[in-house]
Protein backbone atom coordinates (compact mmCIF):
# COMPACT_ATOMS: atom_id res chain seq x y z
CA UNK A 1 -140.64 84.02 -71.19
CA UNK A 2 -139.11 87.28 -72.41
CA UNK A 3 -140.05 86.36 -75.98
CA UNK A 4 -143.61 85.47 -75.04
CA UNK A 5 -146.15 87.26 -77.21
CA UNK A 6 -148.98 88.92 -75.30
CA UNK A 7 -152.05 89.39 -77.51
CA UNK A 8 -152.95 93.06 -78.01
CA UNK A 9 -156.71 92.83 -77.65
CA UNK A 10 -157.17 95.67 -75.20
CA UNK A 11 -155.99 96.67 -71.74
CA UNK A 12 -154.55 94.00 -69.45
CA UNK A 13 -154.63 94.17 -65.65
CA UNK A 14 -151.86 92.26 -63.90
CA UNK A 15 -153.02 91.29 -60.41
CA UNK A 16 -151.78 89.18 -57.50
CA UNK A 17 -153.60 85.90 -57.96
CA UNK A 18 -153.14 84.72 -54.36
CA UNK A 19 -154.34 87.93 -52.68
CA UNK A 20 -157.94 87.95 -51.40
CA UNK A 21 -158.19 91.75 -51.89
CA UNK A 22 -156.81 91.51 -55.45
CA UNK A 23 -159.14 88.66 -56.38
CA UNK A 24 -162.03 90.71 -55.01
CA UNK A 25 -160.91 93.58 -57.27
CA UNK A 26 -160.98 91.24 -60.28
CA UNK A 27 -164.48 90.00 -59.37
CA UNK A 28 -165.59 93.64 -58.99
CA UNK A 29 -164.24 94.47 -62.44
CA UNK A 30 -165.80 91.39 -64.04
CA UNK A 31 -169.15 92.52 -62.67
CA UNK A 32 -168.88 96.23 -63.56
CA UNK A 33 -166.95 96.05 -66.84
CA UNK A 34 -170.07 95.35 -68.85
CA UNK A 35 -168.39 95.75 -72.25
CA UNK A 36 -165.51 93.40 -71.41
CA UNK A 37 -162.85 96.08 -71.90
CA UNK A 38 -160.31 94.63 -69.44
CA UNK A 39 -158.42 91.37 -69.59
CA UNK A 40 -156.54 89.87 -66.67
CA UNK A 41 -153.26 88.12 -65.96
CA UNK A 42 -152.30 86.83 -62.53
CA UNK A 43 -148.74 87.89 -61.76
CA UNK A 44 -147.95 84.27 -60.91
CA UNK A 45 -148.52 83.20 -64.54
CA UNK A 46 -145.97 83.33 -67.36
CA UNK A 47 -147.96 86.10 -69.07
CA UNK A 48 -148.22 88.14 -65.86
CA UNK A 49 -144.52 87.74 -65.07
CA UNK A 50 -143.59 88.73 -68.63
CA UNK A 51 -145.72 91.88 -68.47
CA UNK A 52 -144.26 92.87 -65.10
CA UNK A 53 -140.69 92.37 -66.32
CA UNK A 54 -141.37 94.17 -69.61
CA UNK A 55 -142.51 97.24 -67.68
CA UNK A 56 -139.64 97.32 -65.19
CA UNK A 57 -141.34 95.59 -62.25
CA UNK A 58 -139.80 92.67 -60.40
CA UNK A 59 -141.97 89.56 -60.98
CA UNK A 60 -140.53 88.02 -57.79
CA UNK A 61 -141.55 91.01 -55.65
CA UNK A 62 -145.07 91.77 -56.84
CA UNK A 63 -146.02 94.81 -54.81
CA UNK A 64 -147.47 96.82 -57.65
CA UNK A 65 -150.70 96.79 -59.60
CA UNK A 66 -150.09 97.07 -63.35
CA UNK A 67 -152.36 98.23 -66.16
CA UNK A 68 -150.98 97.76 -69.68
CA UNK A 69 -152.75 99.30 -72.66
CA UNK A 70 -150.78 98.95 -75.86
CA UNK A 71 -147.32 100.43 -75.37
CA UNK A 72 -148.38 102.39 -72.28
CA UNK A 73 -148.41 101.13 -68.71
CA UNK A 74 -149.49 102.53 -65.36
CA UNK A 75 -148.89 101.33 -61.82
CA UNK A 76 -150.22 101.93 -58.33
CA UNK A 77 -152.86 104.64 -57.87
CA UNK A 78 -152.62 105.87 -61.48
CA UNK A 79 -153.49 102.36 -62.69
CA UNK A 80 -156.46 102.10 -60.33
CA UNK A 81 -157.72 105.55 -61.36
CA UNK A 82 -157.43 104.69 -65.07
CA UNK A 83 -159.18 101.34 -64.63
CA UNK A 84 -162.10 102.88 -62.74
CA UNK A 85 -162.55 105.76 -65.18
CA UNK A 86 -162.36 103.24 -68.03
CA UNK A 87 -165.51 101.59 -66.71
CA UNK A 88 -167.42 104.67 -67.83
CA UNK A 89 -170.60 106.05 -66.34
CA UNK A 90 -170.39 107.26 -62.75
CA UNK A 91 -167.02 105.49 -62.39
CA UNK A 92 -165.46 108.35 -64.39
CA UNK A 93 -165.68 110.36 -61.17
CA UNK A 94 -162.65 108.38 -60.00
CA UNK A 95 -160.67 110.71 -62.25
CA UNK A 96 -160.97 113.21 -59.41
CA UNK A 97 -158.32 111.14 -57.61
CA UNK A 98 -155.83 113.05 -59.76
CA UNK A 99 -156.31 116.16 -57.59
CA UNK A 100 -154.48 114.30 -54.82
CA UNK A 101 -150.77 114.36 -55.72
CA UNK A 102 -149.12 111.02 -56.53
CA UNK A 103 -146.63 111.63 -53.72
CA UNK A 104 -149.62 111.17 -51.38
CA UNK A 105 -151.64 108.57 -53.33
CA UNK A 106 -148.84 106.12 -54.15
CA UNK A 107 -147.40 105.76 -50.63
CA UNK A 108 -150.94 105.07 -49.39
CA UNK A 109 -151.37 102.49 -52.15
CA UNK A 110 -148.02 100.85 -51.29
CA UNK A 111 -148.90 100.75 -47.57
CA UNK A 112 -152.07 98.80 -48.37
CA UNK A 113 -150.15 96.59 -50.85
CA UNK A 114 -147.50 95.74 -48.25
CA UNK A 115 -150.15 94.76 -45.71
CA UNK A 116 -152.70 93.09 -47.99
CA UNK A 117 -151.91 89.49 -47.00
CA UNK A 118 -152.07 90.24 -43.28
CA UNK A 119 -155.28 92.23 -43.53
CA UNK A 120 -157.18 90.27 -46.18
CA UNK A 121 -155.38 86.92 -46.40
CA UNK A 122 -154.28 84.69 -49.23
CA UNK A 123 -156.31 82.40 -51.42
CA UNK A 124 -156.12 80.42 -54.63
CA UNK A 125 -156.45 82.37 -57.87
CA UNK A 126 -159.92 83.33 -59.05
CA UNK A 127 -161.17 80.50 -61.23
CA UNK A 128 -162.92 82.10 -64.17
CA UNK A 129 -166.22 80.80 -65.44
CA UNK A 130 -166.39 79.54 -69.02
CA UNK A 131 -167.78 82.93 -70.05
CA UNK A 132 -164.98 84.83 -68.23
CA UNK A 133 -162.14 82.55 -69.40
CA UNK A 134 -161.54 84.47 -72.67
CA UNK A 135 -160.63 87.56 -70.60
CA UNK A 136 -157.74 85.85 -68.77
CA UNK A 137 -154.27 85.42 -70.25
């Protein structure tokens, strides 16, 4: 797994494939990312686990959202802010999240992440359509 090659065809979002909230986030992005900028890897897959490990996150304790773009990676609220602003248009307003210090944003993010299964439940991974399949690792 550590030698697994991840194609470098643009930003990759590593998400929790069994989380209802996380799968909703992926469906939201598939709908609003009209240019197909983002690709996706469930953290339960070999590619997702490899990306988590490569960026210092424990693949067996997936409490963090990860955005990887080339050699750079972002987690938690910084990753969400970057993803939203990357959608362009009015979504660039999400950049204003940066005025709230990370010491406030990230604990709030982690609180939601810790409680996501209890609040939103668990489900099977999003099954991509034939058209969406090329965007999943």
